[in-house]
C-alpha atoms as a PDB file:
ATOM      1  CA  MET A   1     -23.425  41.752  31.607  1.00  0.00           C
ATOM      2  CA  PRO A   2     -26.848  39.649  31.751  1.00  0.00           C
ATOM      3  CA  ILE A   3     -27.398  36.461  33.281  1.00  0.00           C
ATOM      4  CA  VAL A   4     -28.420  33.962  30.866  1.00  0.00           C
ATOM      5  CA  PRO A   5     -30.338  30.750  32.162  1.00  0.00           C
ATOM      6  CA  SER A   6     -28.500  27.607  31.025  1.00  0.00           C
ATOM      7  CA  VAL A   7     -30.324  24.798  29.623  1.00  0.00           C
ATOM      8  CA  PRO A   8     -30.072  21.443  31.557  1.00  0.00           C
ATOM      9  CA  TRP A   9     -28.304  19.180  28.398  1.00  0.00           C
ATOM     10  CA  GLY A  10     -26.427  22.040  26.215  1.00  0.00           C
ATOM     11  CA  ASN A  11     -26.863  25.441  25.442  1.00  0.00           C
ATOM     12  CA  ASP A  12     -28.924  27.162  22.614  1.00  0.00           C
ATOM     13  CA  HIS A  13     -26.951  26.075  19.965  1.00  0.00           C
ATOM     14  CA  GLU A  14     -27.020  22.339  20.883  1.00  0.00           C
ATOM     15  CA  PRO A  15     -30.214  20.017  20.900  1.00  0.00           C
ATOM     16  CA  ALA A  16     -30.937  18.968  24.254  1.00  0.00           C
ATOM     17  CA  CYS A  17     -31.145  15.206  23.296  1.00  0.00           C
ATOM     18  CA  TYR A  18     -27.683  14.499  23.641  1.00  0.00           C
ATOM     19  CA  PRO A  19     -26.660  13.533  27.310  1.00  0.00           C
ATOM     20  CA  PHE A  20     -23.204  14.981  26.679  1.00  0.00           C
ATOM     21  CA  PRO A  21     -22.339  17.436  24.524  1.00  0.00           C
ATOM     22  CA  MET A  22     -19.345  17.853  22.262  1.00  0.00           C
ATOM     23  CA  ARG A  23     -18.095  20.945  23.518  1.00  0.00           C
ATOM     24  CA  SER A  24     -14.106  20.190  23.011  1.00  0.00           C
ATOM     25  CA  ARG A  25     -12.214  19.029  20.314  1.00  0.00           C
ATOM     26  CA  LEU A  26     -10.565  16.555  23.561  1.00  0.00           C
ATOM     27  CA  SER A  27     -13.993  14.870  23.734  1.00  0.00           C
ATOM     28  CA  SER A  28     -13.846  14.417  19.788  1.00  0.00           C
ATOM     29  CA  LYS A  29     -10.460  12.294  19.754  1.00  0.00           C
ATOM     30  CA  LEU A  30     -11.393  10.477  22.739  1.00  0.00           C
ATOM     31  CA  PHE A  31     -14.851   9.392  20.989  1.00  0.00           C
ATOM     32  CA  ILE A  32     -12.925   8.751  17.760  1.00  0.00           C
ATOM     33  CA  SER A  33      -9.921   7.064  19.655  1.00  0.00           C
ATOM     34  CA  THR A  34     -12.163   4.814  21.691  1.00  0.00           C
ATOM     35  CA  ALA A  35     -14.019   4.089  18.554  1.00  0.00           C
ATOM     36  CA  SER A  36     -11.252   3.225  16.834  1.00  0.00           C
ATOM     37  CA  VAL A  37      -9.913   1.176  19.482  1.00  0.00           C
ATOM     38  CA  ILE A  38     -13.043  -0.939  19.115  1.00  0.00           C
ATOM     39  CA  ALA A  39     -13.002  -0.936  15.342  1.00  0.00           C
ATOM     40  CA  ALA A  40      -9.010  -2.532  15.658  1.00  0.00           C
ATOM     41  CA  LEU A  41     -10.043  -4.713  18.116  1.00  0.00           C
ATOM     42  CA  THR A  42     -13.155  -6.318  16.313  1.00  0.00           C
ATOM     43  CA  LEU A  43     -11.200  -6.613  13.384  1.00  0.00           C
ATOM     44  CA  ALA A  44      -8.254  -7.789  15.003  1.00  0.00           C
ATOM     45  CA  ILE A  45     -11.097 -10.744  16.570  1.00  0.00           C
ATOM     46  CA  TYR A  46     -12.863 -11.258  13.041  1.00  0.00           C
ATOM     47  CA  SER A  47      -9.050 -11.822  11.677  1.00  0.00           C
ATOM     48  CA  PHE A  48      -8.132 -14.145  14.383  1.00  0.00           C
ATOM     49  CA  SER A  49     -11.727 -15.802  14.511  1.00  0.00           C
ATOM     50  CA  VAL A  50     -12.601 -16.059  11.485  1.00  0.00           C
ATOM     51  CA  PRO A  51      -9.378 -18.543  10.345  1.00  0.00           C
ATOM     52  CA  LEU A  52      -9.666 -20.594  13.160  1.00  0.00           C
ATOM     53  CA  ILE A  53     -13.380 -21.262  12.934  1.00  0.00           C
ATOM     54  CA  LYS A  54     -12.798 -21.670   9.020  1.00  0.00           C
ATOM     55  CA  ASP A  55     -10.319 -24.309   9.923  1.00  0.00           C
ATOM     56  CA  THR A  56     -12.079 -26.034  13.075  1.00  0.00           C
ATOM     57  CA  ALA A  57     -15.121 -26.642  10.321  1.00  0.00           C
ATOM     58  CA  PHE A  58     -13.138 -28.082   7.519  1.00  0.00           C
ATOM     59  CA  GLU A  59     -11.655 -30.431  10.942  1.00  0.00           C
ATOM     60  CA  LEU A  60     -15.030 -31.415  11.641  1.00  0.00           C
ATOM     61  CA  GLU A  61     -16.512 -32.064   7.985  1.00  0.00           C
ATOM     62  CA  GLU A  62     -13.108 -33.663   7.621  1.00  0.00           C
ATOM     63  CA  ARG A  63     -14.285 -36.367  10.563  1.00  0.00           C
ATOM     64  CA  ALA A  64     -17.656 -36.133   9.737  1.00  0.00           C
ATOM     65  CA  GLY A  65     -16.793 -37.638   6.414  1.00  0.00           C
ATOM     66  CA  ARG A  66     -14.071 -40.465   7.924  1.00  0.00           C
ATOM     67  CA  ALA A  67     -16.495 -41.753  10.145  1.00  0.00           C
ATOM     68  CA  VAL A  68     -19.361 -41.601   7.090  1.00  0.00           C
ATOM     69  CA  LEU A  69     -16.587 -43.803   4.809  1.00  0.00           C
ATOM     70  CA  ASP A  70     -15.867 -45.946   7.660  1.00  0.00           C
ATOM     71  CA  THR A  71     -19.169 -46.732   8.546  1.00  0.00           C
ATOM     72  CA  VAL A  72     -19.896 -47.245   4.671  1.00  0.00           C
ATOM     73  CA  TYR A  73     -16.910 -49.713   4.565  1.00  0.00           C
ATOM     74  CA  GLU A  74     -18.190 -51.251   7.649  1.00  0.00           C
ATOM     75  CA  LEU A  75     -21.307 -52.085   6.385  1.00  0.00           C
ATOM     76  CA  ALA A  76     -19.890 -53.196   2.893  1.00  0.00           C
ATOM     77  CA  ARG A  77     -17.782 -55.702   4.812  1.00  0.00           C
ATOM     78  CA  ARG A  78     -20.219 -56.817   6.770  1.00  0.00           C
ATOM     79  CA  ILE A  79     -22.479 -57.395   3.633  1.00  0.00           C
ATOM     80  CA  HIS A  80     -19.466 -58.850   2.388  1.00  0.00           C
ATOM     81  CA  LEU A  81     -18.989 -61.459   4.768  1.00  0.00           C
ATOM     82  CA  ASP A  82     -23.015 -61.873   4.853  1.00  0.00           C
ATOM     83  CA  LEU A  83     -22.829 -63.008   1.583  1.00  0.00           C
ATOM     84  CA  GLU A  84     -19.907 -65.565   1.776  1.00  0.00           C
ATOM     85  CA  SER A  85     -21.539 -66.748   4.820  1.00  0.00           C
ATOM     86  CA  HIS A  86     -24.835 -67.172   2.459  1.00  0.00           C
ATOM     87  CA  ARG A  87     -23.145 -68.851  -0.435  1.00  0.00           C
ATOM     88  CA  GLU A  88     -21.508 -71.381   1.974  1.00  0.00           C
ATOM     89  CA  LEU A  89     -24.620 -72.251   3.667  1.00  0.00           C
ATOM     90  CA  ALA A  90     -25.910 -72.666  -0.072  1.00  0.00           C
ATOM     91  CA  LEU A  91     -23.748 -74.913  -1.361  1.00  0.00           C
ATOM     92  CA  ASP A  92     -23.508 -76.946   1.877  1.00  0.00           C
ATOM     93  CA  ALA A  93     -27.376 -77.486   1.436  1.00  0.00           C
ATOM     94  CA  HIS A  94     -27.152 -78.310  -2.377  1.00  0.00           C
ATOM     95  CA  ARG A  95     -24.066 -80.900  -1.289  1.00  0.00           C
ATOM     96  CA  ASN A  96     -26.359 -82.329   1.148  1.00  0.00           C
ATOM     97  CA  GLN A  97     -29.254 -82.449  -0.993  1.00  0.00           C
ATOM     98  CA  LEU A  98     -26.871 -84.191  -3.716  1.00  0.00           C
ATOM     99  CA  LYS A  99     -25.650 -86.510  -1.166  1.00  0.00           C
ATOM    100  CA  SER A 100     -29.004 -87.557  -0.389  1.00  0.00           C
ATOM    101  CA  MET A 101     -30.131 -88.027  -3.963  1.00  0.00           C
ATOM    102  CA  VAL A 102     -27.050 -89.955  -5.011  1.00  0.00           C
ATOM    103  CA  GLU A 103     -27.398 -92.433  -1.501  1.00  0.00           C
ATOM    104  CA  LEU A 104     -31.588 -92.760  -2.887  1.00  0.00           C
ATOM    105  CA  ALA A 105     -30.075 -93.543  -6.384  1.00  0.00           C
ATOM    106  CA  SER A 106     -27.558 -95.772  -4.789  1.00  0.00           C
ATOM    107  CA  SER A 107     -30.251 -97.741  -2.428  1.00  0.00           C
ATOM    108  CA  HIS A 108     -32.266 -98.244  -5.502  1.00  0.00           C
ATOM    109  CA  ILE A 109     -29.523 -99.367  -7.766  1.00  0.00           C
ATOM    110  CA  ASP A 110     -28.796-102.160  -4.561  1.00  0.00           C
ATOM    111  CA  SER A 111     -32.244-102.934  -4.490  1.00  0.00           C
ATOM    112  CA  MET A 112     -32.444-103.633  -8.095  1.00  0.00           C
ATOM    113  CA  HIS A 113     -29.339-105.511  -8.088  1.00  0.00           C
ATOM    114  CA  ARG A 114     -30.876-108.015  -4.606  1.00  0.00           C
ATOM    115  CA  ARG A 115     -33.350-108.730  -7.077  1.00  0.00           C
ATOM    116  CA  ILE A 116     -31.301-109.771  -9.738  1.00  0.00           C
ATOM    117  CA  GLU A 117     -29.281-111.943  -7.548  1.00  0.00           C
ATOM    118  CA  GLN A 118     -32.306-113.100  -5.639  1.00  0.00           C
ATOM    119  CA  GLY A 119     -33.216-114.784  -9.689  1.00  0.00           C
ATOM    120  CA  LEU A 120     -36.643-112.489  -9.186  1.00  0.00           C
ATOM    121  CA  ILE A 121     -35.579-110.900 -12.353  1.00  0.00           C
ATOM    122  CA  ASP A 122     -32.924-111.704 -15.220  1.00  0.00           C
ATOM    123  CA  PRO A 123     -29.657-109.197 -15.626  1.00  0.00           C
ATOM    124  CA  GLU A 124     -30.960-107.631 -18.797  1.00  0.00           C
ATOM    125  CA  GLN A 125     -34.307-106.803 -17.527  1.00  0.00           C
ATOM    126  CA  GLY A 126     -33.041-105.515 -14.375  1.00  0.00           C
ATOM    127  CA  ARG A 127     -30.853-103.150 -15.830  1.00  0.00           C
ATOM    128  CA  GLN A 128     -33.352-101.685 -18.712  1.00  0.00           C
ATOM    129  CA  LEU A 129     -36.073-101.218 -15.364  1.00  0.00           C
ATOM    130  CA  LEU A 130     -32.763 -99.435 -13.047  1.00  0.00           C
ATOM    131  CA  TYR A 131     -31.931 -97.368 -16.503  1.00  0.00           C
ATOM    132  CA  ASP A 132     -35.843 -96.512 -17.044  1.00  0.00           C
ATOM    133  CA  SER A 133     -36.218 -95.688 -13.204  1.00  0.00           C
ATOM    134  CA  LEU A 134     -33.489 -93.826 -13.284  1.00  0.00           C
ATOM    135  CA  ARG A 135     -34.525 -91.175 -16.136  1.00  0.00           C
ATOM    136  CA  GLU A 136     -37.441 -90.443 -13.848  1.00  0.00           C
ATOM    137  CA  PHE A 137     -35.472 -89.671 -10.744  1.00  0.00           C
ATOM    138  CA  ARG A 138     -35.664 -85.693 -10.345  1.00  0.00           C
ATOM    139  CA  TYR A 139     -34.183 -83.210  -7.516  1.00  0.00           C
ATOM    140  CA  GLY A 140     -33.228 -79.749  -7.031  1.00  0.00           C
ATOM    141  CA  ASN A 141     -34.286 -77.112  -9.876  1.00  0.00           C
ATOM    142  CA  ASN A 142     -35.720 -79.841 -12.575  1.00  0.00           C
ATOM    143  CA  ASP A 143     -31.980 -81.510 -12.228  1.00  0.00           C
ATOM    144  CA  TYR A 144     -31.461 -85.270 -13.132  1.00  0.00           C
ATOM    145  CA  PHE A 145     -29.373 -88.161 -13.040  1.00  0.00           C
ATOM    146  CA  TRP A 146     -27.743 -89.672 -15.710  1.00  0.00           C
ATOM    147  CA  VAL A 147     -25.513 -93.137 -16.673  1.00  0.00           C
ATOM    148  CA  ALA A 148     -22.681 -93.795 -18.807  1.00  0.00           C
ATOM    149  CA  ASP A 149     -20.906 -97.023 -18.872  1.00  0.00           C
ATOM    150  CA  TYR A 150     -17.092 -97.330 -18.920  1.00  0.00           C
ATOM    151  CA  ASP A 151     -16.671 -96.577 -22.428  1.00  0.00           C
ATOM    152  CA  SER A 152     -17.978 -93.064 -21.976  1.00  0.00           C
ATOM    153  CA  THR A 153     -21.533 -93.990 -23.582  1.00  0.00           C
ATOM    154  CA  ILE A 154     -24.657 -92.554 -22.307  1.00  0.00           C
ATOM    155  CA  VAL A 155     -27.213 -95.799 -20.970  1.00  0.00           C
ATOM    156  CA  SER A 156     -29.567 -93.595 -19.140  1.00  0.00           C
ATOM    157  CA  HIS A 157     -30.494 -89.881 -20.048  1.00  0.00           C
ATOM    158  CA  PRO A 158     -33.817 -88.602 -19.373  1.00  0.00           C
ATOM    159  CA  ASP A 159     -33.207 -86.590 -22.765  1.00  0.00           C
ATOM    160  CA  PRO A 160     -33.679 -89.603 -25.634  1.00  0.00           C
ATOM    161  CA  GLU A 161     -31.590 -87.802 -27.746  1.00  0.00           C
ATOM    162  CA  PHE A 162     -28.755 -88.426 -25.800  1.00  0.00           C
ATOM    163  CA  GLN A 163     -29.119 -92.131 -25.361  1.00  0.00           C
ATOM    164  CA  GLY A 164     -26.198 -94.269 -26.835  1.00  0.00           C
ATOM    165  CA  GLU A 165     -23.903 -90.855 -27.389  1.00  0.00           C
ATOM    166  CA  ASN A 166     -20.340 -91.321 -26.547  1.00  0.00           C
ATOM    167  CA  ILE A 167     -18.993 -88.181 -24.222  1.00  0.00           C
ATOM    168  CA  ALA A 168     -15.454 -89.061 -23.799  1.00  0.00           C
ATOM    169  CA  SER A 169     -14.557 -86.108 -25.627  1.00  0.00           C
ATOM    170  CA  GLN A 170     -16.958 -83.253 -23.912  1.00  0.00           C
ATOM    171  CA  ARG A 171     -16.017 -80.562 -22.025  1.00  0.00           C
ATOM    172  CA  ASP A 172     -18.243 -78.537 -19.233  1.00  0.00           C
ATOM    173  CA  ASP A 173     -17.913 -75.050 -19.491  1.00  0.00           C
ATOM    174  CA  SER A 174     -14.689 -74.452 -17.919  1.00  0.00           C
ATOM    175  CA  GLY A 175     -12.855 -76.677 -20.111  1.00  0.00           C
ATOM    176  CA  GLU A 176     -12.949 -79.847 -18.150  1.00  0.00           C
ATOM    177  CA  PRO A 177     -13.673 -83.551 -19.163  1.00  0.00           C
ATOM    178  CA  VAL A 178     -17.427 -84.370 -18.040  1.00  0.00           C
ATOM    179  CA  ILE A 179     -16.237 -88.040 -17.458  1.00  0.00           C
ATOM    180  CA  PRO A 180     -12.936 -87.824 -16.170  1.00  0.00           C
END
């Protein structure tokens, strides 16, 4: 029998690039079994991890959404409180301005009354001077004073159209009488 030299990684019929030649059915079965086990493990890990990742991602998105909504709610609440605070400050400022203007008008009326009591002017002339001067009083956004007598007749108003008009039956925008 002739002696045939051996090839380092296979024989004459198998390429030498494979480090371990597939000579037997046992090694083929072992390879297929190992590949099947790896594929099964990969499929099992994938089947377990994808739903877990989806659930975790959903929970994270839900928490993030709630956090955003909580933040928006808190901002809206703060803005509302700031608006209410600003509204109260504006009303207080308006009340204070109105109080100051009424005190000024009252002081003016008292001054005219003293002049009448001292005999410096007669009562009718004093009343007319008082009504004329009150027509000129302005405050705020061109707001003004008007004076009505006890019969609800306007005796002093900046608009001459209202002079002498009886306003006993007039109502404001909310339905309340202008003069109670």
